[in-house]
PDB file of all heavy atoms in Angstrom:
ATOM      1  N   ILE A   1       4.728 -10.206   6.246  1.00  0.00           N
ATOM      2  CA  ILE A   1       3.682  -9.232   6.603  1.00  0.00           C
ATOM      3  C   ILE A   1       2.570  -9.929   7.386  1.00  0.00           C
ATOM      4  O   ILE A   1       2.095  -9.435   8.396  1.00  0.00           O
ATOM      5  CB  ILE A   1       3.137  -8.562   5.312  1.00  0.00           C
ATOM      6  CG1 ILE A   1       4.151  -7.626   4.686  1.00  0.00           C
ATOM      7  CG2 ILE A   1       1.795  -7.810   5.613  1.00  0.00           C
ATOM      8  CD1 ILE A   1       3.730  -7.052   3.360  1.00  0.00           C
ATOM      9  N   LYS A   2       2.177 -11.106   6.894  1.00  0.00           N
ATOM     10  CA  LYS A   2       1.094 -11.854   7.605  1.00  0.00           C
ATOM     11  C   LYS A   2       1.511 -12.315   8.993  1.00  0.00           C
ATOM     12  O   LYS A   2       0.660 -12.332   9.911  1.00  0.00           O
ATOM     13  CB  LYS A   2       0.689 -13.042   6.715  1.00  0.00           C
ATOM     14  CG  LYS A   2      -0.021 -12.658   5.422  1.00  0.00           C
ATOM     15  CD  LYS A   2      -0.267 -13.876   4.562  1.00  0.00           C
ATOM     16  CE  LYS A   2      -0.948 -13.469   3.253  1.00  0.00           C
ATOM     17  NZ  LYS A   2      -1.149 -14.633   2.340  1.00  0.00           N
ATOM     18  N   SER A   3       2.813 -12.645   9.142  1.00  0.00           N
ATOM     19  CA  SER A   3       3.240 -13.093  10.456  1.00  0.00           C
ATOM     20  C   SER A   3       3.594 -11.947  11.383  1.00  0.00           C
ATOM     21  O   SER A   3       3.806 -12.168  12.576  1.00  0.00           O
ATOM     22  CB  SER A   3       4.474 -13.970  10.268  1.00  0.00           C
ATOM     23  OG  SER A   3       5.608 -13.227   9.824  1.00  0.00           O
ATOM     24  N   GLY A   4       3.689 -10.736  10.860  1.00  0.00           N
ATOM     25  CA  GLY A   4       4.004  -9.571  11.702  1.00  0.00           C
ATOM     26  C   GLY A   4       5.460  -9.288  11.885  1.00  0.00           C
ATOM     27  O   GLY A   4       5.832  -8.389  12.696  1.00  0.00           O
ATOM     28  N   THR A   5       6.354 -10.018  11.203  1.00  0.00           N
ATOM     29  CA  THR A   5       7.765  -9.756  11.313  1.00  0.00           C
ATOM     30  C   THR A   5       8.221  -8.552  10.519  1.00  0.00           C
ATOM     31  O   THR A   5       9.334  -8.033  10.739  1.00  0.00           O
ATOM     32  CB  THR A   5       8.591 -11.011  10.914  1.00  0.00           C
ATOM     33  OG1 THR A   5       8.213 -11.410   9.595  1.00  0.00           O
ATOM     34  CG2 THR A   5       8.332 -12.154  11.880  1.00  0.00           C
ATOM     35  N   LEU A   6       7.393  -8.127   9.584  1.00  0.00           N
ATOM     36  CA  LEU A   6       7.615  -6.854   8.854  1.00  0.00           C
ATOM     37  C   LEU A   6       6.292  -6.086   8.821  1.00  0.00           C
ATOM     38  O   LEU A   6       5.231  -6.700   8.789  1.00  0.00           O
ATOM     39  CB  LEU A   6       8.123  -7.101   7.423  1.00  0.00           C
ATOM     40  CG  LEU A   6       9.565  -7.533   7.213  1.00  0.00           C
ATOM     41  CD1 LEU A   6       9.802  -7.855   5.742  1.00  0.00           C
ATOM     42  CD2 LEU A   6      10.520  -6.476   7.700  1.00  0.00           C
ATOM     43  N   ARG A   7       6.400  -4.781   8.828  1.00  0.00           N
ATOM     44  CA  ARG A   7       5.196  -3.952   8.773  1.00  0.00           C
ATOM     45  C   ARG A   7       5.124  -3.206   7.483  1.00  0.00           C
ATOM     46  O   ARG A   7       6.076  -2.478   7.136  1.00  0.00           O
ATOM     47  CB  ARG A   7       5.182  -2.983   9.960  1.00  0.00           C
ATOM     48  CG  ARG A   7       3.915  -2.070   9.950  1.00  0.00           C
ATOM     49  CD  ARG A   7       3.620  -1.522  11.315  1.00  0.00           C
ATOM     50  NE  ARG A   7       4.781  -0.912  11.987  1.00  0.00           N
ATOM     51  CZ  ARG A   7       5.238   0.307  11.678  1.00  0.00           C
ATOM     52  NH1 ARG A   7       4.693   1.039  10.725  1.00  0.00           N
ATOM     53  NH2 ARG A   7       6.316   0.795  12.316  1.00  0.00           N
ATOM     54  N   PRO A   8       4.068  -3.351   6.709  1.00  0.00           N
ATOM     55  CA  PRO A   8       3.948  -2.608   5.435  1.00  0.00           C
ATOM     56  C   PRO A   8       3.535  -1.168   5.710  1.00  0.00           C
ATOM     57  O   PRO A   8       2.696  -0.897   6.573  1.00  0.00           O
ATOM     58  CB  PRO A   8       2.841  -3.373   4.714  1.00  0.00           C
ATOM     59  CG  PRO A   8       1.973  -3.910   5.810  1.00  0.00           C
ATOM     60  CD  PRO A   8       2.909  -4.236   6.949  1.00  0.00           C
ATOM     61  N   VAL A   9       4.133  -0.265   4.946  1.00  0.00           N
ATOM     62  CA  VAL A   9       3.752   1.150   5.057  1.00  0.00           C
ATOM     63  C   VAL A   9       2.809   1.544   3.935  1.00  0.00           C
ATOM     64  O   VAL A   9       1.758   2.161   4.153  1.00  0.00           O
ATOM     65  CB  VAL A   9       5.017   2.053   5.016  1.00  0.00           C
ATOM     66  CG1 VAL A   9       4.630   3.520   5.050  1.00  0.00           C
ATOM     67  CG2 VAL A   9       5.953   1.696   6.192  1.00  0.00           C
ATOM     68  N   ALA A  10       3.115   1.145   2.707  1.00  0.00           N
ATOM     69  CA  ALA A  10       2.283   1.467   1.551  1.00  0.00           C
ATOM     70  C   ALA A  10       2.730   0.677   0.344  1.00  0.00           C
ATOM     71  O   ALA A  10       3.895   0.281   0.201  1.00  0.00           O
ATOM     72  CB  ALA A  10       2.353   2.969   1.238  1.00  0.00           C
ATOM     73  N   VAL A  11       1.760   0.376  -0.551  1.00  0.00           N
ATOM     74  CA  VAL A  11       2.053  -0.247  -1.826  1.00  0.00           C
ATOM     75  C   VAL A  11       2.342   0.850  -2.842  1.00  0.00           C
ATOM     76  O   VAL A  11       1.904   2.007  -2.673  1.00  0.00           O
ATOM     77  CB  VAL A  11       0.914  -1.150  -2.311  1.00  0.00           C
ATOM     78  CG1 VAL A  11       0.777  -2.367  -1.414  1.00  0.00           C
ATOM     79  CG2 VAL A  11      -0.419  -0.395  -2.425  1.00  0.00           C
ATOM     80  N   THR A  12       3.066   0.484  -3.923  1.00  0.00           N
ATOM     81  CA  THR A  12       3.471   1.456  -4.896  1.00  0.00           C
ATOM     82  C   THR A  12       2.529   1.619  -6.073  1.00  0.00           C
ATOM     83  O   THR A  12       2.680   2.502  -6.894  1.00  0.00           O
ATOM     84  CB  THR A  12       4.875   1.063  -5.465  1.00  0.00           C
ATOM     85  OG1 THR A  12       4.757  -0.196  -6.130  1.00  0.00           O
ATOM     86  CG2 THR A  12       5.912   0.987  -4.372  1.00  0.00           C
ATOM     87  N   SER A  13       1.476   0.752  -6.126  1.00  0.00           N
ATOM     88  CA  SER A  13       0.501   0.878  -7.210  1.00  0.00           C
ATOM     89  C   SER A  13      -0.445   2.050  -6.920  1.00  0.00           C
ATOM     90  O   SER A  13      -0.539   2.519  -5.760  1.00  0.00           O
ATOM     91  CB  SER A  13      -0.296  -0.426  -7.326  1.00  0.00           C
ATOM     92  OG  SER A  13      -0.753  -0.853  -6.060  1.00  0.00           O
ATOM     93  N   ALA A  14      -1.139   2.510  -7.936  1.00  0.00           N
ATOM     94  CA  ALA A  14      -2.019   3.663  -7.777  1.00  0.00           C
ATOM     95  C   ALA A  14      -3.152   3.372  -6.802  1.00  0.00           C
ATOM     96  O   ALA A  14      -3.617   4.271  -6.088  1.00  0.00           O
ATOM     97  CB  ALA A  14      -2.568   4.077  -9.125  1.00  0.00           C
ATOM     98  N   VAL A  15      -3.602   2.161  -6.804  1.00  0.00           N
ATOM     99  CA  VAL A  15      -4.695   1.747  -5.882  1.00  0.00           C
ATOM    100  C   VAL A  15      -4.205   0.592  -5.025  1.00  0.00           C
ATOM    101  O   VAL A  15      -3.214  -0.038  -5.310  1.00  0.00           O
ATOM    102  CB  VAL A  15      -5.975   1.366  -6.661  1.00  0.00           C
ATOM    103  CG1 VAL A  15      -6.494   2.532  -7.442  1.00  0.00           C
ATOM    104  CG2 VAL A  15      -5.665   0.179  -7.591  1.00  0.00           C
ATOM    105  N   ARG A  16      -4.948   0.304  -3.987  1.00  0.00           N
ATOM    106  CA  ARG A  16      -4.578  -0.798  -3.102  1.00  0.00           C
ATOM    107  C   ARG A  16      -4.615  -2.150  -3.820  1.00  0.00           C
ATOM    108  O   ARG A  16      -5.388  -2.332  -4.760  1.00  0.00           O
ATOM    109  CB  ARG A  16      -5.514  -0.832  -1.887  1.00  0.00           C
ATOM    110  CG  ARG A  16      -5.481   0.432  -1.068  1.00  0.00           C
ATOM    111  CD  ARG A  16      -6.277   0.288   0.213  1.00  0.00           C
ATOM    112  NE  ARG A  16      -6.302   1.544   1.005  1.00  0.00           N
ATOM    113  CZ  ARG A  16      -6.535   1.624   2.284  1.00  0.00           C
ATOM    114  NH1 ARG A  16      -6.776   0.487   2.981  1.00  0.00           N
ATOM    115  NH2 ARG A  16      -6.530   2.784   2.916  1.00  0.00           N
ATOM    116  N   SER A  17      -3.804  -3.039  -3.343  1.00  0.00           N
ATOM    117  CA  SER A  17      -3.816  -4.399  -3.896  1.00  0.00           C
ATOM    118  C   SER A  17      -5.073  -5.115  -3.409  1.00  0.00           C
ATOM    119  O   SER A  17      -5.412  -5.077  -2.238  1.00  0.00           O
ATOM    120  CB  SER A  17      -2.580  -5.169  -3.413  1.00  0.00           C
ATOM    121  OG  SER A  17      -2.718  -6.559  -3.675  1.00  0.00           O
ATOM    122  N   GLY A  18      -5.753  -5.821  -4.336  1.00  0.00           N
ATOM    123  CA  GLY A  18      -6.940  -6.566  -3.949  1.00  0.00           C
ATOM    124  C   GLY A  18      -6.618  -7.693  -3.045  1.00  0.00           C
ATOM    125  O   GLY A  18      -7.468  -8.207  -2.319  1.00  0.00           O
ATOM    126  N   ASN A  19      -5.316  -8.113  -3.003  1.00  0.00           N
ATOM    127  CA  ASN A  19      -4.928  -9.214  -2.144  1.00  0.00           C
ATOM    128  C   ASN A  19      -4.515  -8.755  -0.769  1.00  0.00           C
ATOM    129  O   ASN A  19      -4.466  -9.554   0.175  1.00  0.00           O
ATOM    130  CB  ASN A  19      -3.761  -9.960  -2.815  1.00  0.00           C
ATOM    131  CG  ASN A  19      -4.106 -10.463  -4.213  1.00  0.00           C
ATOM    132  OD1 ASN A  19      -5.069 -11.188  -4.385  1.00  0.00           O
ATOM    133  ND2 ASN A  19      -3.376 -10.020  -5.203  1.00  0.00           N
ATOM    134  N   PHE A  20      -4.173  -7.462  -0.611  1.00  0.00           N
ATOM    135  CA  PHE A  20      -3.829  -6.870   0.690  1.00  0.00           C
ATOM    136  C   PHE A  20      -4.545  -5.534   0.812  1.00  0.00           C
ATOM    137  O   PHE A  20      -3.912  -4.465   0.810  1.00  0.00           O
ATOM    138  CB  PHE A  20      -2.307  -6.694   0.795  1.00  0.00           C
ATOM    139  CG  PHE A  20      -1.540  -7.968   0.947  1.00  0.00           C
ATOM    140  CD1 PHE A  20      -1.160  -8.714  -0.149  1.00  0.00           C
ATOM    141  CD2 PHE A  20      -1.214  -8.455   2.216  1.00  0.00           C
ATOM    142  CE1 PHE A  20      -0.456  -9.888  -0.053  1.00  0.00           C
ATOM    143  CE2 PHE A  20      -0.500  -9.640   2.355  1.00  0.00           C
ATOM    144  CZ  PHE A  20      -0.125 -10.366   1.231  1.00  0.00           C
ATOM    145  N   PRO A  21      -5.876  -5.575   0.897  1.00  0.00           N
ATOM    146  CA  PRO A  21      -6.652  -4.318   0.877  1.00  0.00           C
ATOM    147  C   PRO A  21      -6.417  -3.377   2.062  1.00  0.00           C
ATOM    148  O   PRO A  21      -6.824  -2.220   2.008  1.00  0.00           O
ATOM    149  CB  PRO A  21      -8.104  -4.815   0.848  1.00  0.00           C
ATOM    150  CG  PRO A  21      -8.022  -6.157   1.468  1.00  0.00           C
ATOM    151  CD  PRO A  21      -6.745  -6.751   1.034  1.00  0.00           C
ATOM    152  N   ASN A  22      -5.801  -3.855   3.127  1.00  0.00           N
ATOM    153  CA  ASN A  22      -5.573  -3.012   4.290  1.00  0.00           C
ATOM    154  C   ASN A  22      -4.328  -2.156   4.168  1.00  0.00           C
ATOM    155  O   ASN A  22      -4.061  -1.286   5.014  1.00  0.00           O
ATOM    156  CB  ASN A  22      -5.475  -3.882   5.556  1.00  0.00           C
ATOM    157  CG  ASN A  22      -6.795  -4.562   5.888  1.00  0.00           C
ATOM    158  OD1 ASN A  22      -7.848  -4.012   5.607  1.00  0.00           O
ATOM    159  ND2 ASN A  22      -6.738  -5.732   6.465  1.00  0.00           N
ATOM    160  N   ILE A  23      -3.500  -2.411   3.142  1.00  0.00           N
ATOM    161  CA  ILE A  23      -2.277  -1.602   2.976  1.00  0.00           C
ATOM    162  C   ILE A  23      -2.589  -0.419   2.071  1.00  0.00           C
ATOM    163  O   ILE A  23      -2.984  -0.590   0.906  1.00  0.00           O
ATOM    164  CB  ILE A  23      -1.145  -2.442   2.344  1.00  0.00           C
ATOM    165  CG1 ILE A  23      -0.882  -3.723   3.146  1.00  0.00           C
ATOM    166  CG2 ILE A  23       0.133  -1.608   2.259  1.00  0.00           C
ATOM    167  CD1 ILE A  23       0.131  -4.627   2.526  1.00  0.00           C
ATOM    168  N   PRO A  24      -2.459   0.802   2.530  1.00  0.00           N
ATOM    169  CA  PRO A  24      -2.711   1.983   1.692  1.00  0.00           C
ATOM    170  C   PRO A  24      -1.714   2.084   0.560  1.00  0.00           C
ATOM    171  O   PRO A  24      -0.655   1.477   0.593  1.00  0.00           O
ATOM    172  CB  PRO A  24      -2.600   3.162   2.669  1.00  0.00           C
ATOM    173  CG  PRO A  24      -1.670   2.642   3.708  1.00  0.00           C
ATOM    174  CD  PRO A  24      -1.967   1.180   3.876  1.00  0.00           C
ATOM    175  N   SER A  25      -2.049   2.905  -0.432  1.00  0.00           N
ATOM    176  CA  SER A  25      -1.125   3.152  -1.521  1.00  0.00           C
ATOM    177  C   SER A  25      -0.412   4.475  -1.289  1.00  0.00           C
ATOM    178  O   SER A  25      -0.905   5.356  -0.588  1.00  0.00           O
ATOM    179  CB  SER A  25      -1.845   3.193  -2.879  1.00  0.00           C
ATOM    180  OG  SER A  25      -2.689   4.337  -2.943  1.00  0.00           O
ATOM    181  N   ILE A  26       0.785   4.640  -1.882  1.00  0.00           N
ATOM    182  CA  ILE A  26       1.499   5.906  -1.809  1.00  0.00           C
ATOM    183  C   ILE A  26       0.654   6.991  -2.467  1.00  0.00           C
ATOM    184  O   ILE A  26       0.583   8.116  -1.968  1.00  0.00           O
ATOM    185  CB  ILE A  26       2.859   5.791  -2.487  1.00  0.00           C
ATOM    186  CG1 ILE A  26       3.781   4.845  -1.688  1.00  0.00           C
ATOM    187  CG2 ILE A  26       3.538   7.174  -2.615  1.00  0.00           C
ATOM    188  CD1 ILE A  26       5.130   4.578  -2.334  1.00  0.00           C
ATOM    189  N   ALA A  27      -0.049   6.660  -3.541  1.00  0.00           N
ATOM    190  CA  ALA A  27      -0.865   7.657  -4.254  1.00  0.00           C
ATOM    191  C   ALA A  27      -1.965   8.217  -3.378  1.00  0.00           C
ATOM    192  O   ALA A  27      -2.195   9.456  -3.362  1.00  0.00           O
ATOM    193  CB  ALA A  27      -1.454   7.003  -5.516  1.00  0.00           C
ATOM    194  N   GLU A  28      -2.637   7.367  -2.643  1.00  0.00           N
ATOM    195  CA  GLU A  28      -3.759   7.848  -1.812  1.00  0.00           C
ATOM    196  C   GLU A  28      -3.239   8.577  -0.564  1.00  0.00           C
ATOM    197  O   GLU A  28      -4.010   9.241   0.145  1.00  0.00           O
ATOM    198  CB  GLU A  28      -4.652   6.683  -1.368  1.00  0.00           C
ATOM    199  CG  GLU A  28      -4.053   5.794  -0.328  1.00  0.00           C
ATOM    200  CD  GLU A  28      -4.977   4.663   0.085  1.00  0.00           C
ATOM    201  OE1 GLU A  28      -5.200   3.757  -0.728  1.00  0.00           O
ATOM    202  OE2 GLU A  28      -5.472   4.706   1.219  1.00  0.00           O
ATOM    203  N   SER A  29      -1.924   8.459  -0.332  1.00  0.00           N
ATOM    204  CA  SER A  29      -1.312   9.085   0.863  1.00  0.00           C
ATOM    205  C   SER A  29      -0.788  10.483   0.561  1.00  0.00           C
ATOM    206  O   SER A  29      -0.022  11.034   1.331  1.00  0.00           O
ATOM    207  CB  SER A  29      -0.220   8.210   1.392  1.00  0.00           C
ATOM    208  OG  SER A  29      -0.696   6.911   1.705  1.00  0.00           O
ATOM    209  N   GLY A  30      -1.161  11.045  -0.580  1.00  0.00           N
ATOM    210  CA  GLY A  30      -0.808  12.416  -0.886  1.00  0.00           C
ATOM    211  C   GLY A  30       0.046  12.609  -2.141  1.00  0.00           C
ATOM    212  O   GLY A  30       0.362  13.739  -2.498  1.00  0.00           O
ATOM    213  N   PHE A  31       0.431  11.499  -2.805  1.00  0.00           N
ATOM    214  CA  PHE A  31       1.258  11.602  -4.000  1.00  0.00           C
ATOM    215  C   PHE A  31       0.547  10.921  -5.161  1.00  0.00           C
ATOM    216  O   PHE A  31       0.840   9.791  -5.546  1.00  0.00           O
ATOM    217  CB  PHE A  31       2.627  10.992  -3.721  1.00  0.00           C
ATOM    218  CG  PHE A  31       3.311  11.602  -2.519  1.00  0.00           C
ATOM    219  CD1 PHE A  31       3.229  11.043  -1.278  1.00  0.00           C
ATOM    220  CD2 PHE A  31       4.037  12.800  -2.686  1.00  0.00           C
ATOM    221  CE1 PHE A  31       3.827  11.622  -0.178  1.00  0.00           C
ATOM    222  CE2 PHE A  31       4.650  13.396  -1.583  1.00  0.00           C
ATOM    223  CZ  PHE A  31       4.550  12.816  -0.343  1.00  0.00           C
ATOM    224  N   LYS A  32      -0.449  11.647  -5.703  1.00  0.00           N
ATOM    225  CA  LYS A  32      -1.412  11.107  -6.655  1.00  0.00           C
ATOM    226  C   LYS A  32      -0.795  10.499  -7.910  1.00  0.00           C
ATOM    227  O   LYS A  32      -1.367   9.605  -8.511  1.00  0.00           O
ATOM    228  CB  LYS A  32      -2.449  12.185  -7.050  1.00  0.00           C
ATOM    229  CG  LYS A  32      -3.266  12.665  -5.848  1.00  0.00           C
ATOM    230  CD  LYS A  32      -4.264  13.722  -6.298  1.00  0.00           C
ATOM    231  CE  LYS A  32      -5.105  14.218  -5.113  1.00  0.00           C
ATOM    232  NZ  LYS A  32      -6.069  15.274  -5.528  1.00  0.00           N
ATOM    233  N   GLU A  33       0.369  11.026  -8.335  1.00  0.00           N
ATOM    234  CA  GLU A  33       0.974  10.560  -9.585  1.00  0.00           C
ATOM    235  C   GLU A  33       1.824   9.328  -9.382  1.00  0.00           C
ATOM    236  O   GLU A  33       2.333   8.764 -10.356  1.00  0.00           O
ATOM    237  CB  GLU A  33       1.817  11.666 -10.201  1.00  0.00           C
ATOM    238  CG  GLU A  33       1.073  12.975 -10.462  1.00  0.00           C
ATOM    239  CD  GLU A  33      -0.085  12.761 -11.433  1.00  0.00           C
ATOM    240  OE1 GLU A  33       0.104  12.025 -12.406  1.00  0.00           O
ATOM    241  OE2 GLU A  33      -1.200  13.312 -11.180  1.00  0.00           O
ATOM    242  N   PHE A  34       2.003   8.893  -8.144  1.00  0.00           N
ATOM    243  CA  PHE A  34       2.904   7.767  -7.866  1.00  0.00           C
ATOM    244  C   PHE A  34       2.169   6.468  -8.242  1.00  0.00           C
ATOM    245  O   PHE A  34       1.142   6.123  -7.659  1.00  0.00           O
ATOM    246  CB  PHE A  34       3.310   7.725  -6.415  1.00  0.00           C
ATOM    247  CG  PHE A  34       4.634   7.048  -6.179  1.00  0.00           C
ATOM    248  CD1 PHE A  34       5.796   7.761  -5.933  1.00  0.00           C
ATOM    249  CD2 PHE A  34       4.743   5.655  -6.243  1.00  0.00           C
ATOM    250  CE1 PHE A  34       7.019   7.142  -5.725  1.00  0.00           C
ATOM    251  CE2 PHE A  34       5.952   5.012  -6.021  1.00  0.00           C
ATOM    252  CZ  PHE A  34       7.103   5.763  -5.791  1.00  0.00           C
ATOM    253  N   ASP A  35       2.705   5.723  -9.197  1.00  0.00           N
ATOM    254  CA  ASP A  35       2.062   4.500  -9.666  1.00  0.00           C
ATOM    255  C   ASP A  35       3.091   3.568 -10.299  1.00  0.00           C
ATOM    256  O   ASP A  35       3.482   3.799 -11.410  1.00  0.00           O
ATOM    257  CB  ASP A  35       0.948   4.817 -10.646  1.00  0.00           C
ATOM    258  CG  ASP A  35       0.216   3.560 -11.137  1.00  0.00           C
ATOM    259  OD1 ASP A  35       0.371   2.513 -10.500  1.00  0.00           O
ATOM    260  OD2 ASP A  35      -0.500   3.654 -12.116  1.00  0.00           O
TER     261      ASP A  35
END
C-alpha cells in the first residue's frame, strides 16, 4: 500500500485504522453494521 503497488479501498473495522487514517472503513461508506 505504501509503495503504491496495491490500492486500498476500505478497512473492515468499524472505524478507520489509526495507523492508516486515510483509508475509509466499509461502515462509514454506507454499511454501518459492518465491523
